[in-house]
Amino acid sequence: MSSQIDHIDERILSILAKEGRLPIADLSRRIGLSKTPCQARLKRLQAQGYIKGFRAVLNPSKLGLDHVAFVEVRLNDTTERSLGAFNDAVQAVAEIEQCHMIAGAFDYLLKVRTSDISAYRRVLGEVISSLPHVAHTSTHVSMEAIKELQY
C-alpha cells in the first residue's frame, strides 16, 4: 500500500478538513470519482494516518469557556524521565487545550481555556503549578482570537 498521496487525495483531505460530515456521495461528486473508489481512498487515507478521526468542533463561547491564556512553563529538570512525567500529567488536565514543547527560553507553551480569570487563577495555582517538575510559569492572556484553525 503506497503512502504517497496524489492531487485527488489532497482534494479529499482539503474538503474533509472543512466539512468532515460530508456524505460520501457528495464527496465523490465534488472530486469527480464514483462512490466506491472515493470510499476506498478515504479508507486508505485513514489507514495511513492522514485522517486521524472525525469530531465535532465545539463553540467555546456557548460552553462558557471564553477565557484563553497561554502559559510559558519552565521545568526544574529536563531529563527524559522528567519530561515524560510532565507530558503524562498534562494529558489529565481538561483545561489545557494544547501543550507544545518549545526550543527557547522556556520548556513548554500551554494553551489553557477556562470560564474566566478566576477559574484560570485556580487552575494555574492548584493544577499547573503542581505538575511534575514545574519551576516557573508566565501567563499571557488572549484578548481576542484573530485566527484559529481546526484540523
C-alpha atoms as a PDB file:
ATOM      1  CA  MET A   1       0.000   0.000   0.000  1.00  0.00           C
ATOM      2  CA  SER A   2       1.584   3.284  -1.118  1.00  0.00           C
ATOM      3  CA  SER A   3       1.946   6.015   1.483  1.00  0.00           C
ATOM      4  CA  GLN A   4       2.126   8.766  -1.133  1.00  0.00           C
ATOM      5  CA  ILE A   5      -0.873  10.895  -1.878  1.00  0.00           C
ATOM      6  CA  ASP A   6      -1.887  12.436  -5.181  1.00  0.00           C
ATOM      7  CA  HIS A   7      -3.890  15.532  -6.085  1.00  0.00           C
ATOM      8  CA  ILE A   8      -7.207  13.678  -5.645  1.00  0.00           C
ATOM      9  CA  ASP A   9      -6.214  12.592  -2.122  1.00  0.00           C
ATOM     10  CA  GLU A  10      -5.198  16.187  -1.388  1.00  0.00           C
ATOM     11  CA  ARG A  11      -8.630  17.404  -2.550  1.00  0.00           C
ATOM     12  CA  ILE A  12     -10.347  14.812  -0.349  1.00  0.00           C
ATOM     13  CA  LEU A  13      -8.311  15.954   2.662  1.00  0.00           C
ATOM     14  CA  SER A  14      -8.938  19.625   1.918  1.00  0.00           C
ATOM     15  CA  ILE A  15     -12.695  19.139   1.626  1.00  0.00           C
ATOM     16  CA  LEU A  16     -12.975  16.923   4.718  1.00  0.00           C
ATOM     17  CA  ALA A  17     -10.881  19.323   6.823  1.00  0.00           C
ATOM     18  CA  LYS A  18     -13.661  21.867   6.341  1.00  0.00           C
ATOM     19  CA  GLU A  19     -16.670  19.558   6.036  1.00  0.00           C
ATOM     20  CA  GLY A  20     -15.966  16.381   7.988  1.00  0.00           C
ATOM     21  CA  ARG A  21     -19.585  15.234   7.937  1.00  0.00           C
ATOM     22  CA  LEU A  22     -19.920  15.434   4.167  1.00  0.00           C
ATOM     23  CA  PRO A  23     -21.670  12.275   2.897  1.00  0.00           C
ATOM     24  CA  ILE A  24     -19.517  10.035   0.686  1.00  0.00           C
ATOM     25  CA  ALA A  25     -21.884  10.575  -2.258  1.00  0.00           C
ATOM     26  CA  ASP A  26     -21.368  14.353  -2.086  1.00  0.00           C
ATOM     27  CA  LEU A  27     -17.612  13.971  -1.600  1.00  0.00           C
ATOM     28  CA  SER A  28     -17.292  11.636  -4.578  1.00  0.00           C
ATOM     29  CA  ARG A  29     -19.311  14.014  -6.758  1.00  0.00           C
ATOM     30  CA  ARG A  30     -17.144  17.001  -5.757  1.00  0.00           C
ATOM     31  CA  ILE A  31     -13.867  15.243  -6.537  1.00  0.00           C
ATOM     32  CA  GLY A  32     -15.137  13.590  -9.709  1.00  0.00           C
ATOM     33  CA  LEU A  33     -14.957   9.931  -8.708  1.00  0.00           C
ATOM     34  CA  SER A  34     -17.651   7.347  -8.283  1.00  0.00           C
ATOM     35  CA  LYS A  35     -18.603   6.380  -4.745  1.00  0.00           C
ATOM     36  CA  THR A  36     -16.644   3.092  -4.490  1.00  0.00           C
ATOM     37  CA  PRO A  37     -13.171   4.437  -5.442  1.00  0.00           C
ATOM     38  CA  CYS A  38     -13.778   7.525  -3.328  1.00  0.00           C
ATOM     39  CA  GLN A  39     -14.635   5.340  -0.344  1.00  0.00           C
ATOM     40  CA  ALA A  40     -11.514   3.225  -0.960  1.00  0.00           C
ATOM     41  CA  ARG A  41      -9.330   6.345  -0.999  1.00  0.00           C
ATOM     42  CA  LEU A  42     -10.947   7.589   2.186  1.00  0.00           C
ATOM     43  CA  LYS A  43     -10.288   4.270   3.954  1.00  0.00           C
ATOM     44  CA  ARG A  44      -6.677   4.270   2.728  1.00  0.00           C
ATOM     45  CA  LEU A  45      -6.130   7.845   3.943  1.00  0.00           C
ATOM     46  CA  GLN A  46      -7.458   6.809   7.350  1.00  0.00           C
ATOM     47  CA  ALA A  47      -5.350   3.614   7.461  1.00  0.00           C
ATOM     48  CA  GLN A  48      -2.204   5.544   6.525  1.00  0.00           C
ATOM     49  CA  GLY A  49      -2.818   8.111   9.266  1.00  0.00           C
ATOM     50  CA  TYR A  50      -3.559  11.155   7.105  1.00  0.00           C
ATOM     51  CA  ILE A  51      -7.005  11.281   8.726  1.00  0.00           C
ATOM     52  CA  LYS A  52      -6.815  10.782  12.479  1.00  0.00           C
ATOM     53  CA  GLY A  53     -10.560  10.833  13.051  1.00  0.00           C
ATOM     54  CA  PHE A  54     -13.725  12.875  12.838  1.00  0.00           C
ATOM     55  CA  ARG A  55     -15.104  15.091  15.583  1.00  0.00           C
ATOM     56  CA  ALA A  56     -17.439  17.941  16.342  1.00  0.00           C
ATOM     57  CA  VAL A  57     -15.863  21.400  16.572  1.00  0.00           C
ATOM     58  CA  LEU A  58     -17.442  22.964  19.638  1.00  0.00           C
ATOM     59  CA  ASN A  59     -18.149  26.631  20.251  1.00  0.00           C
ATOM     60  CA  PRO A  60     -16.244  27.553  23.442  1.00  0.00           C
ATOM     61  CA  SER A  61     -18.324  30.708  23.990  1.00  0.00           C
ATOM     62  CA  LYS A  62     -21.561  28.717  24.047  1.00  0.00           C
ATOM     63  CA  LEU A  63     -19.938  26.441  26.642  1.00  0.00           C
ATOM     64  CA  GLY A  64     -18.911  29.393  28.824  1.00  0.00           C
ATOM     65  CA  LEU A  65     -15.198  28.940  28.089  1.00  0.00           C
ATOM     66  CA  ASP A  66     -14.287  32.409  26.828  1.00  0.00           C
ATOM     67  CA  HIS A  67     -11.023  32.914  28.726  1.00  0.00           C
ATOM     68  CA  VAL A  68      -7.833  31.844  26.932  1.00  0.00           C
ATOM     69  CA  ALA A  69      -4.376  32.106  28.417  1.00  0.00           C
ATOM     70  CA  PHE A  70      -1.028  30.997  27.087  1.00  0.00           C
ATOM     71  CA  VAL A  71       1.328  29.786  29.783  1.00  0.00           C
ATOM     72  CA  GLU A  72       5.077  29.562  29.447  1.00  0.00           C
ATOM     73  CA  VAL A  73       6.332  26.740  31.662  1.00  0.00           C
ATOM     74  CA  ARG A  74       9.925  26.253  32.750  1.00  0.00           C
ATOM     75  CA  LEU A  75      10.840  22.953  34.392  1.00  0.00           C
ATOM     76  CA  ASN A  76      13.458  22.442  37.091  1.00  0.00           C
ATOM     77  CA  ASP A  77      14.631  19.222  35.449  1.00  0.00           C
ATOM     78  CA  THR A  78      14.638  18.390  31.747  1.00  0.00           C
ATOM     79  CA  THR A  79      15.832  14.803  31.764  1.00  0.00           C
ATOM     80  CA  GLU A  80      13.803  12.454  29.565  1.00  0.00           C
ATOM     81  CA  ARG A  81      12.199  10.964  32.655  1.00  0.00           C
ATOM     82  CA  SER A  82      11.097  14.380  33.943  1.00  0.00           C
ATOM     83  CA  LEU A  83       9.812  15.467  30.539  1.00  0.00           C
ATOM     84  CA  GLY A  84       7.838  12.224  30.310  1.00  0.00           C
ATOM     85  CA  ALA A  85       6.305  12.776  33.750  1.00  0.00           C
ATOM     86  CA  PHE A  86       5.256  16.309  32.792  1.00  0.00           C
ATOM     87  CA  ASN A  87       3.903  15.155  29.401  1.00  0.00           C
ATOM     88  CA  ASP A  88       1.844  12.395  31.023  1.00  0.00           C
ATOM     89  CA  ALA A  89       0.437  14.697  33.720  1.00  0.00           C
ATOM     90  CA  VAL A  90      -0.624  17.350  31.196  1.00  0.00           C
ATOM     91  CA  GLN A  91      -2.871  14.800  29.456  1.00  0.00           C
ATOM     92  CA  ALA A  92      -5.133  14.632  32.521  1.00  0.00           C
ATOM     93  CA  VAL A  93      -5.801  18.395  32.741  1.00  0.00           C
ATOM     94  CA  ALA A  94      -9.010  19.191  30.854  1.00  0.00           C
ATOM     95  CA  GLU A  95      -8.367  22.944  30.826  1.00  0.00           C
ATOM     96  CA  ILE A  96      -5.111  22.507  28.897  1.00  0.00           C
ATOM     97  CA  GLU A  97      -6.210  22.597  25.274  1.00  0.00           C
ATOM     98  CA  GLN A  98      -2.730  22.409  23.775  1.00  0.00           C
ATOM     99  CA  CYS A  99       0.759  21.677  25.053  1.00  0.00           C
ATOM    100  CA  HIS A 100       3.869  22.301  22.970  1.00  0.00           C
ATOM    101  CA  MET A 101       7.485  21.572  23.874  1.00  0.00           C
ATOM    102  CA  ILE A 102       9.464  24.668  22.950  1.00  0.00           C
ATOM    103  CA  ALA A 103      13.080  25.250  21.991  1.00  0.00           C
ATOM    104  CA  GLY A 104      13.892  28.572  23.603  1.00  0.00           C
ATOM    105  CA  ALA A 105      13.788  30.461  26.870  1.00  0.00           C
ATOM    106  CA  PHE A 106      11.190  28.128  28.417  1.00  0.00           C
ATOM    107  CA  ASP A 107      10.305  24.460  28.047  1.00  0.00           C
ATOM    108  CA  TYR A 108       6.572  24.307  27.248  1.00  0.00           C
ATOM    109  CA  LEU A 109       3.818  26.551  25.974  1.00  0.00           C
ATOM    110  CA  LEU A 110       0.305  25.679  27.130  1.00  0.00           C
ATOM    111  CA  LYS A 111      -2.990  26.947  25.767  1.00  0.00           C
ATOM    112  CA  VAL A 112      -5.417  26.988  28.678  1.00  0.00           C
ATOM    113  CA  ARG A 113      -9.156  27.620  28.318  1.00  0.00           C
ATOM    114  CA  THR A 114     -11.380  28.450  31.294  1.00  0.00           C
ATOM    115  CA  SER A 115     -14.586  30.345  32.019  1.00  0.00           C
ATOM    116  CA  ASP A 116     -12.916  33.467  33.418  1.00  0.00           C
ATOM    117  CA  ILE A 117      -9.784  34.850  35.073  1.00  0.00           C
ATOM    118  CA  SER A 118     -10.777  33.494  38.490  1.00  0.00           C
ATOM    119  CA  ALA A 119     -11.119  29.975  37.133  1.00  0.00           C
ATOM    120  CA  TYR A 120      -7.813  30.370  35.326  1.00  0.00           C
ATOM    121  CA  ARG A 121      -6.105  31.547  38.505  1.00  0.00           C
ATOM    122  CA  ARG A 122      -7.384  28.458  40.316  1.00  0.00           C
ATOM    123  CA  VAL A 123      -6.180  26.130  37.546  1.00  0.00           C
ATOM    124  CA  LEU A 124      -2.785  27.825  37.486  1.00  0.00           C
ATOM    125  CA  GLY A 125      -2.320  27.775  41.260  1.00  0.00           C
ATOM    126  CA  GLU A 126      -3.795  24.375  42.051  1.00  0.00           C
ATOM    127  CA  VAL A 127      -3.144  22.349  38.914  1.00  0.00           C
ATOM    128  CA  ILE A 128      -0.497  23.695  36.529  1.00  0.00           C
ATOM    129  CA  SER A 129       1.932  24.781  39.253  1.00  0.00           C
ATOM    130  CA  SER A 130       1.585  21.307  40.804  1.00  0.00           C
ATOM    131  CA  LEU A 131       2.502  19.415  37.632  1.00  0.00           C
ATOM    132  CA  PRO A 132       5.738  17.417  37.880  1.00  0.00           C
ATOM    133  CA  HIS A 133       8.949  19.481  37.803  1.00  0.00           C
ATOM    134  CA  VAL A 134       7.311  22.886  37.203  1.00  0.00           C
ATOM    135  CA  ALA A 135       9.714  25.572  38.399  1.00  0.00           C
ATOM    136  CA  HIS A 136       8.246  28.732  36.875  1.00  0.00           C
ATOM    137  CA  THR A 137       5.259  29.889  34.849  1.00  0.00           C
ATOM    138  CA  SER A 138       4.467  33.083  32.989  1.00  0.00           C
ATOM    139  CA  THR A 139       0.978  33.874  31.689  1.00  0.00           C
ATOM    140  CA  HIS A 140      -0.144  35.767  28.601  1.00  0.00           C
ATOM    141  CA  VAL A 141      -3.900  36.379  28.420  1.00  0.00           C
ATOM    142  CA  SER A 142      -5.507  36.415  24.977  1.00  0.00           C
ATOM    143  CA  MET A 143      -7.683  39.443  24.367  1.00  0.00           C
ATOM    144  CA  GLU A 144      -9.149  38.138  21.099  1.00  0.00           C
ATOM    145  CA  ALA A 145      -8.590  35.194  18.750  1.00  0.00           C
ATOM    146  CA  ILE A 146      -7.962  36.551  15.287  1.00  0.00           C
ATOM    147  CA  LYS A 147      -7.422  33.199  13.567  1.00  0.00           C
ATOM    148  CA  GLU A 148      -7.873  29.672  14.871  1.00  0.00           C
ATOM    149  CA  LEU A 149      -7.609  26.678  12.590  1.00  0.00           C
ATOM    150  CA  GLN A 150      -9.419  23.483  13.461  1.00  0.00           C
ATOM    151  CA  TYR A 151      -7.811  20.403  11.953  1.00  0.00           C
END
